[in-house]
Protein backbone atom coordinates (compact mmCIF):
# COMPACT_ATOMS: atom_id res chain seq x y z
CA UNK A 1 -27.91 22.38 -7.89
CA UNK A 2 -24.79 20.75 -9.34
CA UNK A 3 -22.93 21.35 -6.05
CA UNK A 4 -25.68 19.55 -4.12
CA UNK A 5 -25.53 16.63 -6.56
CA UNK A 6 -21.74 16.48 -6.16
CA UNK A 7 -22.04 16.40 -2.36
CA UNK A 8 -24.71 13.67 -2.47
CA UNK A 9 -22.63 11.57 -4.89
CA UNK A 10 -19.57 12.06 -2.69
CA UNK A 11 -21.47 10.78 0.35
CA UNK A 12 -22.86 7.80 -1.58
CA UNK A 13 -19.46 6.87 -2.99
CA UNK A 14 -17.87 7.34 0.44
CA UNK A 15 -20.43 5.03 2.05
CA UNK A 16 -19.87 2.45 -0.71
CA UNK A 17 -16.08 2.49 -0.31
CA UNK A 18 -16.35 2.28 3.49
CA UNK A 19 -18.82 -0.58 3.31
CA UNK A 20 -16.86 -2.66 0.79
CA UNK A 21 -13.57 -1.96 2.58
CA UNK A 22 -15.16 -3.32 5.77
CA UNK A 23 -16.79 -6.46 4.38
CA UNK A 24 -14.57 -7.68 1.53
CA UNK A 25 -11.25 -8.25 3.35
CA UNK A 26 -12.83 -10.11 6.27
CA UNK A 27 -15.77 -12.01 4.81
CA UNK A 28 -15.51 -11.65 0.99
CA UNK A 29 -19.26 -11.21 1.27
CA UNK A 30 -20.92 -7.94 0.28
CA UNK A 31 -24.23 -8.79 1.97
CA UNK A 32 -23.41 -9.04 5.67
CA UNK A 33 -20.92 -6.73 7.43
CA UNK A 34 -19.24 -7.97 10.60
CA UNK A 35 -17.61 -6.20 13.52
CA UNK A 36 -13.83 -6.06 13.13
CA UNK A 37 -13.41 -6.56 16.87
CA UNK A 38 -15.84 -9.35 17.87
CA UNK A 39 -16.59 -10.62 14.33
CA UNK A 40 -20.30 -10.76 15.03
CA UNK A 41 -22.81 -9.84 12.29
CA UNK A 42 -23.33 -6.08 12.10
CA UNK A 43 -27.03 -5.26 11.41
CA UNK A 44 -27.29 -3.03 8.34
CA UNK A 45 -29.24 -0.31 10.17
CA UNK A 46 -26.67 -0.20 12.97
CA UNK A 47 -23.81 -0.22 10.48
CA UNK A 48 -25.02 2.87 8.64
CA UNK A 49 -26.65 4.82 11.48
CA UNK A 50 -24.50 3.94 14.50
CA UNK A 51 -20.78 4.34 15.02
CA UNK A 52 -20.46 1.32 17.31
CA UNK A 53 -21.12 -2.41 17.30
CA UNK A 54 -24.35 -3.46 19.07
CA UNK A 55 -22.60 -6.57 20.46
CA UNK A 56 -19.31 -5.28 21.88
CA UNK A 57 -19.71 -1.48 21.54
CA UNK A 58 -16.55 -1.31 19.44
CA UNK A 59 -16.55 1.97 17.52
CA UNK A 60 -16.00 2.15 13.79
CA UNK A 61 -12.61 3.49 12.78
CA UNK A 62 -11.88 7.11 12.00
CA UNK A 63 -11.24 5.96 8.44
CA UNK A 64 -15.00 5.96 7.79
CA UNK A 65 -15.23 9.72 8.38
CA UNK A 66 -12.01 10.43 6.49
CA UNK A 67 -13.25 8.53 3.42
CA UNK A 68 -16.65 10.26 3.49
CA UNK A 69 -15.16 13.74 3.73
CA UNK A 70 -12.49 12.95 1.14
CA UNK A 71 -14.99 11.65 -1.42
CA UNK A 72 -17.22 14.70 -1.00
CA UNK A 73 -14.21 16.93 -1.69
CA UNK A 74 -13.15 14.72 -4.62
CA UNK A 75 -16.61 14.81 -6.19
CA UNK A 76 -16.76 18.59 -5.91
CA UNK A 77 -13.33 18.93 -7.55
CA UNK A 78 -14.21 16.28 -10.11
CA UNK A 79 -17.03 18.46 -11.39
CA UNK A 80 -14.44 21.02 -12.50
CA UNK A 81 -11.46 18.74 -13.17
CA UNK A 82 -12.52 15.36 -14.62
CA UNK A 83 -9.98 13.06 -16.26
CA UNK A 84 -8.83 14.08 -19.73
CA UNK A 85 -11.43 13.16 -22.38
CA UNK A 86 -13.84 12.03 -19.65
CA UNK A 87 -16.67 13.87 -17.88
CA UNK A 88 -17.74 13.75 -14.24
CA UNK A 89 -19.94 10.67 -14.56
CA UNK A 90 -17.38 8.73 -16.60
CA UNK A 91 -14.55 9.52 -14.16
CA UNK A 92 -16.54 8.73 -10.99
CA UNK A 93 -16.52 4.90 -11.35
CA UNK A 94 -12.76 5.00 -11.91
CA UNK A 95 -12.03 6.96 -8.75
CA UNK A 96 -14.52 4.88 -6.75
CA UNK A 97 -12.74 1.69 -7.72
CA UNK A 98 -9.26 3.13 -7.17
CA UNK A 99 -10.33 4.57 -3.81
CA UNK A 100 -11.55 1.16 -2.65
CA UNK A 101 -8.35 -0.59 -3.72
CA UNK A 102 -6.20 2.06 -2.02
CA UNK A 103 -8.15 1.95 1.27
CA UNK A 104 -7.99 -1.86 1.49
CA UNK A 105 -4.27 -1.92 0.68
CA UNK A 106 -3.46 0.81 3.22
CA UNK A 107 -5.36 -1.01 5.99
CA UNK A 108 -4.54 -4.63 5.16
CA UNK A 109 -1.54 -4.52 2.77
CA UNK A 110 -3.73 -6.60 0.51
CA UNK A 111 -5.09 -6.45 -3.03
CA UNK A 112 -8.15 -8.69 -3.25
CA UNK A 113 -8.93 -11.10 -6.06
CA UNK A 114 -12.48 -9.74 -6.25
CA UNK A 115 -11.34 -6.18 -6.83
CA UNK A 116 -8.67 -7.36 -9.27
CA UNK A 117 -11.19 -9.20 -11.47
CA UNK A 118 -13.61 -6.26 -11.38
CA UNK A 119 -10.79 -3.85 -12.24
CA UNK A 120 -9.72 -5.91 -15.24
CA UNK A 121 -13.23 -5.77 -16.71
CA UNK A 122 -13.78 -2.10 -15.84
CA UNK A 123 -10.47 -0.79 -17.15
CA UNK A 124 -10.48 -3.03 -20.21
CA UNK A 125 -13.70 -1.32 -21.27
CA UNK A 126 -12.33 2.15 -20.57
CA UNK A 127 -9.00 1.36 -22.21
CA UNK A 128 -10.48 0.02 -25.44
CA UNK A 129 -12.87 2.96 -25.73
CA UNK A 130 -10.12 5.52 -25.06
CA UNK A 131 -7.07 3.96 -26.74
CA UNK A 132 -8.11 0.94 -28.79
CA UNK A 133 -7.13 -2.68 -28.28
CA UNK A 134 -3.41 -2.47 -29.07
CA UNK A 135 -2.46 0.37 -26.73
CA UNK A 136 -4.69 -1.05 -23.98
CA UNK A 137 -3.27 -4.58 -24.04
CA UNK A 138 0.35 -3.48 -24.52
CA UNK A 139 -0.07 -1.03 -21.62
CA UNK A 140 -1.40 -3.82 -19.38
CA UNK A 141 1.44 -6.17 -20.36
CA UNK A 142 4.06 -3.47 -19.81
CA UNK A 143 2.64 -2.49 -16.42
CA UNK A 144 2.50 -6.11 -15.31
CA UNK A 145 6.01 -7.05 -16.47
CA UNK A 146 7.70 -3.92 -15.11
CA UNK A 147 6.30 -4.45 -11.65
CA UNK A 148 6.97 -8.20 -11.89
CA UNK A 149 10.67 -7.40 -12.28
CA UNK A 150 10.59 -5.19 -9.16
CA UNK A 151 8.62 -7.89 -7.33
CA UNK A 152 11.35 -10.49 -7.94
CA UNK A 153 14.10 -7.97 -7.15
CA UNK A 154 12.37 -7.19 -3.86
CA UNK A 155 12.11 -10.88 -2.98
CA UNK A 156 15.79 -11.42 -3.83
CA UNK A 157 16.79 -8.43 -1.71
CA UNK A 158 14.80 -9.72 1.28
CA UNK A 159 16.40 -13.16 1.00
CA UNK A 160 19.92 -11.74 0.76
CA UNK A 161 19.40 -9.43 3.74
CA UNK A 162 17.78 -12.31 5.64
CA UNK A 163 20.86 -14.47 5.14
CA UNK A 164 23.16 -11.64 6.19
CA UNK A 165 21.08 -11.05 9.34
CA UNK A 166 20.69 -14.82 9.92
CA UNK A 167 16.91 -14.61 10.14
CA UNK A 168 14.08 -14.73 7.67
CA UNK A 169 12.67 -11.39 6.49
CA UNK A 170 8.90 -11.66 6.11
CA UNK A 171 8.38 -8.13 4.78
CA UNK A 172 8.99 -7.58 1.06
CA UNK A 173 9.34 -4.36 -0.86
CA UNK A 174 6.57 -5.19 -3.33
CA UNK A 175 3.73 -7.68 -3.21
CA UNK A 176 2.16 -9.53 -6.11
CA UNK A 177 -0.91 -7.32 -5.63
CA UNK A 178 1.26 -4.41 -6.79
CA UNK A 179 2.06 -6.39 -9.93
CA UNK A 180 -1.58 -7.10 -10.78
CA UNK A 181 -2.61 -3.53 -9.97
CA UNK A 182 0.07 -2.18 -12.29
CA UNK A 183 -1.28 -4.40 -15.06
CA UNK A 184 -4.83 -3.18 -14.42
CA UNK A 185 -3.71 0.45 -14.47
CA UNK A 186 -1.92 -0.31 -17.72
CA UNK A 187 -5.28 -1.26 -19.25
CA UNK A 188 -6.63 2.18 -18.47
CA UNK A 189 -3.51 4.28 -19.08
CA UNK A 190 -2.45 2.41 -22.21
CA UNK A 191 0.98 2.38 -23.81
CA UNK A 192 3.26 4.28 -23.24
CA UNK A 193 1.46 6.37 -20.57
CA UNK A 194 1.71 3.53 -18.04
CA UNK A 195 5.49 4.02 -17.97
CA UNK A 196 5.08 7.59 -16.78
CA UNK A 197 2.46 6.53 -14.22
CA UNK A 198 4.82 3.93 -12.72
CA UNK A 199 7.70 6.43 -12.61
CA UNK A 200 5.51 8.97 -10.82
CA UNK A 201 4.38 6.22 -8.46
CA UNK A 202 7.99 5.48 -7.52
CA UNK A 203 8.81 9.18 -7.11
CA UNK A 204 5.88 9.85 -4.76
CA UNK A 205 6.58 6.60 -2.89
CA UNK A 206 10.23 7.57 -2.39
CA UNK A 207 9.41 11.07 -1.17
CA UNK A 208 6.78 9.79 1.27
CA UNK A 209 9.06 6.97 2.48
CA UNK A 210 11.89 9.38 3.26
CA UNK A 211 9.57 11.65 5.24
CA UNK A 212 7.86 8.73 7.01
CA UNK A 213 11.11 6.98 7.97
CA UNK A 214 12.68 10.27 9.08
CA UNK A 215 9.78 10.83 11.47
CA UNK A 216 10.12 7.27 12.83
CA UNK A 217 13.86 7.71 13.35
CA UNK A 218 13.45 11.08 15.07
CA UNK A 219 10.76 9.65 17.36
CA UNK A 220 12.86 6.50 17.93
CA UNK A 221 10.09 4.24 16.65
CA UNK A 222 11.96 2.90 13.64
CA UNK A 223 12.49 -0.86 13.39
CA UNK A 224 14.31 -2.35 10.42
CA UNK A 225 11.99 -4.23 8.03
CA UNK A 226 9.02 -3.66 10.34
CA UNK A 227 7.62 -0.52 8.74
CA UNK A 228 6.79 -1.64 5.20
CA UNK A 229 4.56 0.76 3.28
CA UNK A 230 1.91 -0.32 0.77
CA UNK A 231 2.97 0.57 -2.77
CA UNK A 232 -0.35 0.21 -4.63
CA UNK A 233 -1.74 3.58 -3.42
CA UNK A 234 1.31 5.30 -4.91
CA UNK A 235 0.83 3.50 -8.23
CA UNK A 236 -2.73 4.80 -8.22
CA UNK A 237 -1.55 8.29 -7.31
CA UNK A 238 1.02 8.18 -10.12
CA UNK A 239 -1.66 7.31 -12.67
CA UNK A 240 -3.99 10.06 -11.41
CA UNK A 241 -1.18 12.63 -11.54
CA UNK A 242 -0.21 11.74 -15.08
CA UNK A 243 -3.78 12.28 -16.26
CA UNK A 244 -3.61 15.88 -15.10
CA UNK A 245 -0.17 16.67 -16.54
């Protein structure tokens, strides 16, 4: 029975993440989805029960299936391996939120204000319950300031390289969304755990970047400063990893 419940919850969470990832970046409206191709309103029944737009026949992305399958697997694993000091039901909202933020950032290189405000409230509650006010607030401040330093260093690097190449570099190593996300994760992780989460985020980001860029170079698809990777998903991964160490 518990396995069936896990599968059902995984499907529900997957549908929720898919839906919000479709509507929030384009319309900032959770009521009416729109087609990403023709931008016409997507009837709710067609959105959930059809894989293509009724107006232009544009098919929904493969991401929808990937998220659904991934969340079913996550919910099954979560039954046996919840976060430390948290059960299945207490961990599920955390992973739902983090999954949504990661999906939006991967697709749009964007961290939304709506998800940021919700994350502050959600993780402030979790942080205070788990660590108390001091550790929670210091963790948030540390996470924010550490990534703020890297944000400014990334901007400075892009400007210097732009001057050397005699053209403006629009891509930056880190966006301000990474800074706010690091602060939000600091609320949940607390001090000093957030330090370890950020370090793990950089390690996984570096490993993936080397592999990704190597593939691009070998396939001759590499273009300097045109293949920027979103960093927020790796921050999230770093925090998840540290909770299982």
